[in-house]
Amino acid sequence: IILYQLTTGDNLALKSFAAQSKVPLWYITGAQSNLSDFN
């Protein structure tokens, strides 16, 4: 899952799936990113 300027916390279904699985995640940040959630 590639997360473009967001985190799994931006969607409950996505957050739940990521927490239960070990699926690889690729974060890409930018001007719209919430850096607190990213960190």
All heavy atoms as atom14 arrays in JSON, in Angstrom:
{
  "sequence": "IILYQLTTGDNLALKSFAAQSKVPLWYITGAQSNLSDFN",
  "atom14_mask": [
    [1, 1, 1, 1, 1, 1, 1, 1, 0, 0, 0, 0, 0, 0],
    [1, 1, 1, 1, 1, 1, 1, 1, 0, 0, 0, 0, 0, 0],
    [1, 1, 1, 1, 1, 1, 1, 1, 0, 0, 0, 0, 0, 0],
    [1, 1, 1, 1, 1, 1, 1, 1, 1, 1, 1, 1, 0, 0],
    [1, 1, 1, 1, 1, 1, 1, 1, 1, 0, 0, 0, 0, 0],
    [1, 1, 1, 1, 1, 1, 1, 1, 0, 0, 0, 0, 0, 0],
    [1, 1, 1, 1, 1, 1, 1, 0, 0, 0, 0, 0, 0, 0],
    [1, 1, 1, 1, 1, 1, 1, 0, 0, 0, 0, 0, 0, 0],
    [1, 1, 1, 1, 0, 0, 0, 0, 0, 0, 0, 0, 0, 0],
    [1, 1, 1, 1, 1, 1, 1, 1, 0, 0, 0, 0, 0, 0],
    [1, 1, 1, 1, 1, 1, 1, 1, 0, 0, 0, 0, 0, 0],
    [1, 1, 1, 1, 1, 1, 1, 1, 0, 0, 0, 0, 0, 0],
    [1, 1, 1, 1, 1, 0, 0, 0, 0, 0, 0, 0, 0, 0],
    [1, 1, 1, 1, 1, 1, 1, 1, 0, 0, 0, 0, 0, 0],
    [1, 1, 1, 1, 1, 1, 1, 1, 1, 0, 0, 0, 0, 0],
    [1, 1, 1, 1, 1, 1, 0, 0, 0, 0, 0, 0, 0, 0],
    [1, 1, 1, 1, 1, 1, 1, 1, 1, 1, 1, 0, 0, 0],
    [1, 1, 1, 1, 1, 0, 0, 0, 0, 0, 0, 0, 0, 0],
    [1, 1, 1, 1, 1, 0, 0, 0, 0, 0, 0, 0, 0, 0],
    [1, 1, 1, 1, 1, 1, 1, 1, 1, 0, 0, 0, 0, 0],
    [1, 1, 1, 1, 1, 1, 0, 0, 0, 0, 0, 0, 0, 0],
    [1, 1, 1, 1, 1, 1, 1, 1, 1, 0, 0, 0, 0, 0],
    [1, 1, 1, 1, 1, 1, 1, 0, 0, 0, 0, 0, 0, 0],
    [1, 1, 1, 1, 1, 1, 1, 0, 0, 0, 0, 0, 0, 0],
    [1, 1, 1, 1, 1, 1, 1, 1, 0, 0, 0, 0, 0, 0],
    [1, 1, 1, 1, 1, 1, 1, 1, 1, 1, 1, 1, 1, 1],
    [1, 1, 1, 1, 1, 1, 1, 1, 1, 1, 1, 1, 0, 0],
    [1, 1, 1, 1, 1, 1, 1, 1, 0, 0, 0, 0, 0, 0],
    [1, 1, 1, 1, 1, 1, 1, 0, 0, 0, 0, 0, 0, 0],
    [1, 1, 1, 1, 0, 0, 0, 0, 0, 0, 0, 0, 0, 0],
    [1, 1, 1, 1, 1, 0, 0, 0, 0, 0, 0, 0, 0, 0],
    [1, 1, 1, 1, 1, 1, 1, 1, 1, 0, 0, 0, 0, 0],
    [1, 1, 1, 1, 1, 1, 0, 0, 0, 0, 0, 0, 0, 0],
    [1, 1, 1, 1, 1, 1, 1, 1, 0, 0, 0, 0, 0, 0],
    [1, 1, 1, 1, 1, 1, 1, 1, 0, 0, 0, 0, 0, 0],
    [1, 1, 1, 1, 1, 1, 0, 0, 0, 0, 0, 0, 0, 0],
    [1, 1, 1, 1, 1, 1, 1, 1, 0, 0, 0, 0, 0, 0],
    [1, 1, 1, 1, 1, 1, 1, 1, 1, 1, 1, 0, 0, 0],
    [1, 1, 1, 1, 1, 1, 1, 1, 0, 0, 0, 0, 0, 0]
  ],
  "atom14_positions": [
    [[0.86, -1.18, 0.0], [0.0, 0.0, 0.0], [0.9, 1.24, 0.0], [1.77, 1.38, 0.86], [-0.93, 0.02, 1.22], [-1.87, -1.19, 1.19], [-1.74, 1.32, 1.25], [-2.79, -1.28, 2.41], [0.0, 0.0, 0.0], [0.0, 0.0, 0.0], [0.0, 0.0, 0.0], [0.0, 0.0, 0.0], [0.0, 0.0, 0.0], [0.0, 0.0, 0.0]],
    [[0.7, 2.1, -1.0], [1.42, 3.37, -1.09], [0.49, 4.46, -0.59], [-0.63, 4.62, -1.11], [1.87, 3.66, -2.53], [2.79, 2.54, -3.06], [2.6, 5.0, -2.61], [3.2, 2.7, -4.51], [0.0, 0.0, 0.0], [0.0, 0.0, 0.0], [0.0, 0.0, 0.0], [0.0, 0.0, 0.0], [0.0, 0.0, 0.0], [0.0, 0.0, 0.0]],
    [[0.92, 5.19, 0.42], [0.11, 6.24, 1.03], [0.66, 7.58, 0.59], [1.72, 8.03, 1.04], [0.16, 6.12, 2.56], [-0.33, 4.77, 3.11], [0.06, 4.61, 4.57], [-1.84, 4.66, 2.94], [0.0, 0.0, 0.0], [0.0, 0.0, 0.0], [0.0, 0.0, 0.0], [0.0, 0.0, 0.0], [0.0, 0.0, 0.0], [0.0, 0.0, 0.0]],
    [[-0.07, 8.25, -0.3], [0.4, 9.51, -0.87], [-0.14, 10.68, -0.06], [-1.33, 10.99, -0.1], [-0.01, 9.63, -2.35], [0.6, 10.84, -3.02], [1.91, 10.81, -3.47], [-0.11, 12.01, -3.17], [2.49, 11.9, -4.06], [0.46, 13.13, -3.76], [1.77, 13.06, -4.2], [2.35, 14.17, -4.78], [0.0, 0.0, 0.0], [0.0, 0.0, 0.0]],
    [[0.74, 11.32, 0.69], [0.45, 12.49, 1.52], [-0.68, 12.22, 2.51], [-1.52, 13.08, 2.78], [0.13, 13.71, 0.65], [1.26, 14.09, -0.29], [1.16, 15.51, -0.79], [0.94, 16.43, -0.02], [1.35, 15.71, -2.1], [0.0, 0.0, 0.0], [0.0, 0.0, 0.0], [0.0, 0.0, 0.0], [0.0, 0.0, 0.0], [0.0, 0.0, 0.0]],
    [[-0.69, 10.99, 3.05], [-1.64, 10.65, 4.12], [-1.07, 9.5, 4.92], [0.0, 8.96, 4.61], [-3.02, 10.31, 3.55], [-3.14, 9.26, 2.43], [-3.14, 7.85, 2.99], [-4.4, 9.49, 1.64], [0.0, 0.0, 0.0], [0.0, 0.0, 0.0], [0.0, 0.0, 0.0], [0.0, 0.0, 0.0], [0.0, 0.0, 0.0], [0.0, 0.0, 0.0]],
    [[-1.79, 9.1, 5.97], [-1.41, 7.95, 6.79], [-2.61, 7.02, 6.88], [-3.73, 7.36, 6.47], [-0.98, 8.4, 8.2], [-2.09, 9.05, 8.83], [0.19, 9.37, 8.13], [0.0, 0.0, 0.0], [0.0, 0.0, 0.0], [0.0, 0.0, 0.0], [0.0, 0.0, 0.0], [0.0, 0.0, 0.0], [0.0, 0.0, 0.0], [0.0, 0.0, 0.0]],
    [[-2.4, 5.84, 7.46], [-3.52, 4.9, 7.6], [-4.59, 5.46, 8.54], [-5.76, 5.07, 8.46], [-3.03, 3.55, 8.13], [-2.42, 3.73, 9.42], [-2.02, 2.94, 7.18], [0.0, 0.0, 0.0], [0.0, 0.0, 0.0], [0.0, 0.0, 0.0], [0.0, 0.0, 0.0], [0.0, 0.0, 0.0], [0.0, 0.0, 0.0], [0.0, 0.0, 0.0]],
    [[-4.18, 6.39, 9.41], [-5.15, 6.98, 10.34], [-6.19, 7.84, 9.67], [-7.2, 8.21, 10.29], [0.0, 0.0, 0.0], [0.0, 0.0, 0.0], [0.0, 0.0, 0.0], [0.0, 0.0, 0.0], [0.0, 0.0, 0.0], [0.0, 0.0, 0.0], [0.0, 0.0, 0.0], [0.0, 0.0, 0.0], [0.0, 0.0, 0.0], [0.0, 0.0, 0.0]],
    [[-6.02, 8.17, 8.38], [-7.0, 8.97, 7.67], [-8.24, 8.16, 7.28], [-9.22, 8.74, 6.79], [-6.38, 9.59, 6.41], [-5.35, 10.65, 6.75], [-5.54, 11.34, 7.77], [-4.36, 10.79, 6.01], [0.0, 0.0, 0.0], [0.0, 0.0, 0.0], [0.0, 0.0, 0.0], [0.0, 0.0, 0.0], [0.0, 0.0, 0.0], [0.0, 0.0, 0.0]],
    [[-8.19, 6.85, 7.47], [-9.34, 6.01, 7.13], [-9.38, 4.84, 8.11], [-8.39, 4.12, 8.28], [-9.22, 5.5, 5.69], [-10.41, 4.68, 5.26], [-10.47, 3.48, 5.52], [-11.37, 5.33, 4.61], [0.0, 0.0, 0.0], [0.0, 0.0, 0.0], [0.0, 0.0, 0.0], [0.0, 0.0, 0.0], [0.0, 0.0, 0.0], [0.0, 0.0, 0.0]],
    [[-10.52, 4.63, 8.75], [-10.63, 3.61, 9.79], [-10.41, 2.2, 9.24], [-9.74, 1.37, 9.85], [-12.0, 3.7, 10.46], [-12.24, 4.95, 11.32], [-13.66, 4.95, 11.87], [-11.23, 5.01, 12.46], [0.0, 0.0, 0.0], [0.0, 0.0, 0.0], [0.0, 0.0, 0.0], [0.0, 0.0, 0.0], [0.0, 0.0, 0.0], [0.0, 0.0, 0.0]],
    [[-10.98, 1.93, 8.06], [-10.81, 0.59, 7.48], [-9.35, 0.32, 7.14], [-8.83, -0.78, 7.38], [-11.68, 0.46, 6.22], [0.0, 0.0, 0.0], [0.0, 0.0, 0.0], [0.0, 0.0, 0.0], [0.0, 0.0, 0.0], [0.0, 0.0, 0.0], [0.0, 0.0, 0.0], [0.0, 0.0, 0.0], [0.0, 0.0, 0.0], [0.0, 0.0, 0.0]],
    [[-8.69, 1.33, 6.61], [-7.28, 1.18, 6.25], [-6.43, 1.01, 7.51], [-5.51, 0.18, 7.55], [-6.83, 2.41, 5.45], [-5.41, 2.38, 4.88], [-5.25, 1.22, 3.92], [-5.11, 3.7, 4.16], [0.0, 0.0, 0.0], [0.0, 0.0, 0.0], [0.0, 0.0, 0.0], [0.0, 0.0, 0.0], [0.0, 0.0, 0.0], [0.0, 0.0, 0.0]],
    [[-6.74, 1.78, 8.55], [-5.98, 1.7, 9.79], [-6.15, 0.32, 10.43], [-5.18, -0.28, 10.92], [-6.45, 2.79, 10.75], [-5.68, 2.83, 12.06], [-6.14, 3.98, 12.93], [-5.34, 4.04, 14.23], [-5.76, 5.17, 15.09], [0.0, 0.0, 0.0], [0.0, 0.0, 0.0], [0.0, 0.0, 0.0], [0.0, 0.0, 0.0], [0.0, 0.0, 0.0]],
    [[-7.37, -0.2, 10.4], [-7.63, -1.51, 10.99], [-6.9, -2.61, 10.24], [-6.29, -3.51, 10.84], [-9.13, -1.78, 10.99], [-9.41, -3.08, 11.45], [0.0, 0.0, 0.0], [0.0, 0.0, 0.0], [0.0, 0.0, 0.0], [0.0, 0.0, 0.0], [0.0, 0.0, 0.0], [0.0, 0.0, 0.0], [0.0, 0.0, 0.0], [0.0, 0.0, 0.0]],
    [[-6.93, -2.55, 8.91], [-6.25, -3.57, 8.11], [-4.74, -3.53, 8.33], [-4.1, -4.57, 8.48], [-6.57, -3.36, 6.63], [-5.81, -4.28, 5.71], [-6.14, -5.62, 5.6], [-4.75, -3.79, 4.95], [-5.43, -6.47, 4.77], [-4.03, -4.63, 4.12], [-4.37, -5.97, 4.03], [0.0, 0.0, 0.0], [0.0, 0.0, 0.0], [0.0, 0.0, 0.0]],
    [[-4.16, -2.33, 8.34], [-2.71, -2.2, 8.52], [-2.28, -2.7, 9.89], [-1.2, -3.28, 10.04], [-2.3, -0.74, 8.33], [0.0, 0.0, 0.0], [0.0, 0.0, 0.0], [0.0, 0.0, 0.0], [0.0, 0.0, 0.0], [0.0, 0.0, 0.0], [0.0, 0.0, 0.0], [0.0, 0.0, 0.0], [0.0, 0.0, 0.0], [0.0, 0.0, 0.0]],
    [[-3.11, -2.49, 10.9], [-2.76, -2.93, 12.25], [-2.81, -4.45, 12.37], [-2.02, -5.05, 13.11], [-3.72, -2.29, 13.26], [0.0, 0.0, 0.0], [0.0, 0.0, 0.0], [0.0, 0.0, 0.0], [0.0, 0.0, 0.0], [0.0, 0.0, 0.0], [0.0, 0.0, 0.0], [0.0, 0.0, 0.0], [0.0, 0.0, 0.0], [0.0, 0.0, 0.0]],
    [[-3.73, -5.1, 11.66], [-3.91, -6.54, 11.78], [-2.98, -7.33, 10.86], [-2.73, -8.51, 11.1], [-5.36, -6.91, 11.48], [-6.36, -6.35, 12.48], [-7.79, -6.6, 12.06], [-8.05, -7.34, 11.1], [-8.74, -5.99, 12.77], [0.0, 0.0, 0.0], [0.0, 0.0, 0.0], [0.0, 0.0, 0.0], [0.0, 0.0, 0.0], [0.0, 0.0, 0.0]],
    [[-2.48, -6.71, 9.81], [-1.63, -7.41, 8.84], [-0.22, -6.83, 8.87], [0.04, -5.83, 9.54], [-2.21, -7.29, 7.43], [-2.09, -5.95, 6.97], [0.0, 0.0, 0.0], [0.0, 0.0, 0.0], [0.0, 0.0, 0.0], [0.0, 0.0, 0.0], [0.0, 0.0, 0.0], [0.0, 0.0, 0.0], [0.0, 0.0, 0.0], [0.0, 0.0, 0.0]],
    [[0.65, -7.48, 8.18], [2.03, -6.99, 8.04], [2.28, -6.48, 6.63], [3.41, -6.53, 6.13], [3.02, -8.12, 8.36], [2.91, -8.65, 9.78], [3.25, -7.58, 10.81], [3.21, -8.14, 12.23], [3.52, -7.11, 13.25], [0.0, 0.0, 0.0], [0.0, 0.0, 0.0], [0.0, 0.0, 0.0], [0.0, 0.0, 0.0], [0.0, 0.0, 0.0]],
    [[1.25, -5.97, 5.99], [1.39, -5.5, 4.61], [2.42, -4.37, 4.57], [2.42, -3.47, 5.42], [0.03, -5.02, 4.06], [-0.53, -3.85, 4.85], [0.15, -4.65, 2.59], [0.0, 0.0, 0.0], [0.0, 0.0, 0.0], [0.0, 0.0, 0.0], [0.0, 0.0, 0.0], [0.0, 0.0, 0.0], [0.0, 0.0, 0.0], [0.0, 0.0, 0.0]],
    [[3.34, -4.38, 3.61], [4.33, -3.3, 3.5], [3.64, -1.96, 3.18], [2.64, -1.92, 2.46], [5.22, -3.74, 2.33], [5.0, -5.22, 2.23], [3.59, -5.46, 2.64], [0.0, 0.0, 0.0], [0.0, 0.0, 0.0], [0.0, 0.0, 0.0], [0.0, 0.0, 0.0], [0.0, 0.0, 0.0], [0.0, 0.0, 0.0], [0.0, 0.0, 0.0]],
    [[4.2, -0.88, 3.73], [3.65, 0.46, 3.53], [4.73, 1.38, 2.99], [5.88, 1.33, 3.46], [3.11, 1.03, 4.85], [1.99, 0.24, 5.54], [1.67, 0.85, 6.89], [0.74, 0.2, 4.67], [0.0, 0.0, 0.0], [0.0, 0.0, 0.0], [0.0, 0.0, 0.0], [0.0, 0.0, 0.0], [0.0, 0.0, 0.0], [0.0, 0.0, 0.0]],
    [[4.36, 2.21, 2.03], [5.28, 3.2, 1.47], [4.61, 4.57, 1.64], [3.59, 4.86, 1.02], [5.57, 2.91, 0.0], [6.63, 3.79, -0.6], [7.17, 4.93, -0.05], [7.29, 3.62, -1.85], [8.13, 5.47, -0.87], [8.22, 4.69, -1.99], [7.18, 2.7, -2.87], [9.02, 4.84, -3.11], [7.99, 2.84, -3.99], [8.9, 3.89, -4.11]],
    [[5.21, 5.41, 2.49], [4.69, 6.74, 2.75], [5.38, 7.75, 1.83], [6.61, 7.73, 1.69], [4.94, 7.15, 4.2], [4.27, 6.27, 5.23], [4.88, 5.1, 5.69], [3.04, 6.61, 5.75], [4.27, 4.3, 6.64], [2.41, 5.81, 6.71], [3.04, 4.66, 7.15], [2.44, 3.87, 8.09], [0.0, 0.0, 0.0], [0.0, 0.0, 0.0]],
    [[4.61, 8.64, 1.24], [5.14, 9.74, 0.44], [4.54, 11.03, 1.0], [3.32, 11.2, 1.02], [4.8, 9.6, -1.05], [5.36, 8.28, -1.6], [5.34, 10.78, -1.85], [5.03, 8.02, -3.06], [0.0, 0.0, 0.0], [0.0, 0.0, 0.0], [0.0, 0.0, 0.0], [0.0, 0.0, 0.0], [0.0, 0.0, 0.0], [0.0, 0.0, 0.0]],
    [[5.4, 11.93, 1.48], [4.92, 13.16, 2.11], [4.98, 14.32, 1.13], [5.63, 14.26, 0.08], [5.75, 13.51, 3.34], [7.09, 13.84, 2.93], [5.8, 12.36, 4.32], [0.0, 0.0, 0.0], [0.0, 0.0, 0.0], [0.0, 0.0, 0.0], [0.0, 0.0, 0.0], [0.0, 0.0, 0.0], [0.0, 0.0, 0.0], [0.0, 0.0, 0.0]],
    [[4.28, 15.41, 1.51], [4.25, 16.62, 0.7], [3.6, 17.74, 1.48], [3.46, 17.69, 2.71], [0.0, 0.0, 0.0], [0.0, 0.0, 0.0], [0.0, 0.0, 0.0], [0.0, 0.0, 0.0], [0.0, 0.0, 0.0], [0.0, 0.0, 0.0], [0.0, 0.0, 0.0], [0.0, 0.0, 0.0], [0.0, 0.0, 0.0], [0.0, 0.0, 0.0]],
    [[3.14, 18.76, 0.76], [2.58, 19.93, 1.41], [1.3, 19.61, 2.15], [0.93, 20.31, 3.1], [2.33, 21.02, 0.37], [0.0, 0.0, 0.0], [0.0, 0.0, 0.0], [0.0, 0.0, 0.0], [0.0, 0.0, 0.0], [0.0, 0.0, 0.0], [0.0, 0.0, 0.0], [0.0, 0.0, 0.0], [0.0, 0.0, 0.0], [0.0, 0.0, 0.0]],
    [[0.55, 18.55, 1.73], [-0.72, 18.22, 2.36], [-0.58, 17.24, 3.52], [-1.58, 16.89, 4.15], [-1.67, 17.63, 1.32], [-1.93, 18.52, 0.11], [-2.75, 17.82, -0.95], [-3.44, 16.85, -0.68], [-2.66, 18.3, -2.18], [0.0, 0.0, 0.0], [0.0, 0.0, 0.0], [0.0, 0.0, 0.0], [0.0, 0.0, 0.0], [0.0, 0.0, 0.0]],
    [[0.63, 16.8, 3.82], [0.81, 15.76, 4.83], [0.63, 16.31, 6.24], [1.02, 17.45, 6.54], [2.22, 15.14, 4.71], [2.37, 14.49, 3.48], [0.0, 0.0, 0.0], [0.0, 0.0, 0.0], [0.0, 0.0, 0.0], [0.0, 0.0, 0.0], [0.0, 0.0, 0.0], [0.0, 0.0, 0.0], [0.0, 0.0, 0.0], [0.0, 0.0, 0.0]],
    [[0.04, 15.49, 7.09], [-0.04, 15.78, 8.52], [1.19, 15.15, 9.17], [1.24, 13.94, 9.37], [-1.33, 15.21, 9.12], [-1.51, 15.6, 10.57], [-0.57, 15.64, 11.35], [-2.76, 15.88, 10.94], [0.0, 0.0, 0.0], [0.0, 0.0, 0.0], [0.0, 0.0, 0.0], [0.0, 0.0, 0.0], [0.0, 0.0, 0.0], [0.0, 0.0, 0.0]],
    [[2.2, 15.98, 9.47], [3.48, 15.45, 9.93], [3.39, 14.82, 11.31], [4.15, 13.9, 11.63], [4.53, 16.56, 9.91], [4.83, 17.15, 8.52], [5.94, 18.19, 8.6], [5.23, 16.05, 7.53], [0.0, 0.0, 0.0], [0.0, 0.0, 0.0], [0.0, 0.0, 0.0], [0.0, 0.0, 0.0], [0.0, 0.0, 0.0], [0.0, 0.0, 0.0]],
    [[2.47, 15.28, 12.14], [2.3, 14.66, 13.47], [1.85, 13.21, 13.32], [2.39, 12.3, 13.96], [1.3, 15.46, 14.3], [1.78, 16.76, 14.54], [0.0, 0.0, 0.0], [0.0, 0.0, 0.0], [0.0, 0.0, 0.0], [0.0, 0.0, 0.0], [0.0, 0.0, 0.0], [0.0, 0.0, 0.0], [0.0, 0.0, 0.0], [0.0, 0.0, 0.0]],
    [[0.84, 12.98, 12.48], [0.38, 11.61, 12.23], [1.47, 10.78, 11.55], [1.63, 9.59, 11.85], [-0.87, 11.63, 11.35], [-2.08, 12.21, 12.08], [-2.0, 12.37, 13.32], [-3.08, 12.53, 11.4], [0.0, 0.0, 0.0], [0.0, 0.0, 0.0], [0.0, 0.0, 0.0], [0.0, 0.0, 0.0], [0.0, 0.0, 0.0], [0.0, 0.0, 0.0]],
    [[2.21, 11.41, 10.63], [3.3, 10.72, 9.92], [4.36, 10.23, 10.91], [4.79, 9.07, 10.85], [3.9, 11.67, 8.88], [5.12, 11.14, 8.19], [5.03, 10.18, 7.2], [6.39, 11.59, 8.54], [6.15, 9.69, 6.54], [7.52, 11.12, 7.9], [7.4, 10.16, 6.9], [0.0, 0.0, 0.0], [0.0, 0.0, 0.0], [0.0, 0.0, 0.0]],
    [[4.77, 11.09, 11.84], [5.79, 10.71, 12.82], [5.28, 9.67, 13.8], [6.04, 8.8, 14.26], [6.27, 11.95, 13.58], [7.07, 12.9, 12.7], [7.73, 12.48, 11.75], [7.0, 14.19, 13.01], [0.0, 0.0, 0.0], [0.0, 0.0, 0.0], [0.0, 0.0, 0.0], [0.0, 0.0, 0.0], [0.0, 0.0, 0.0], [0.0, 0.0, 0.0]]
  ]
}
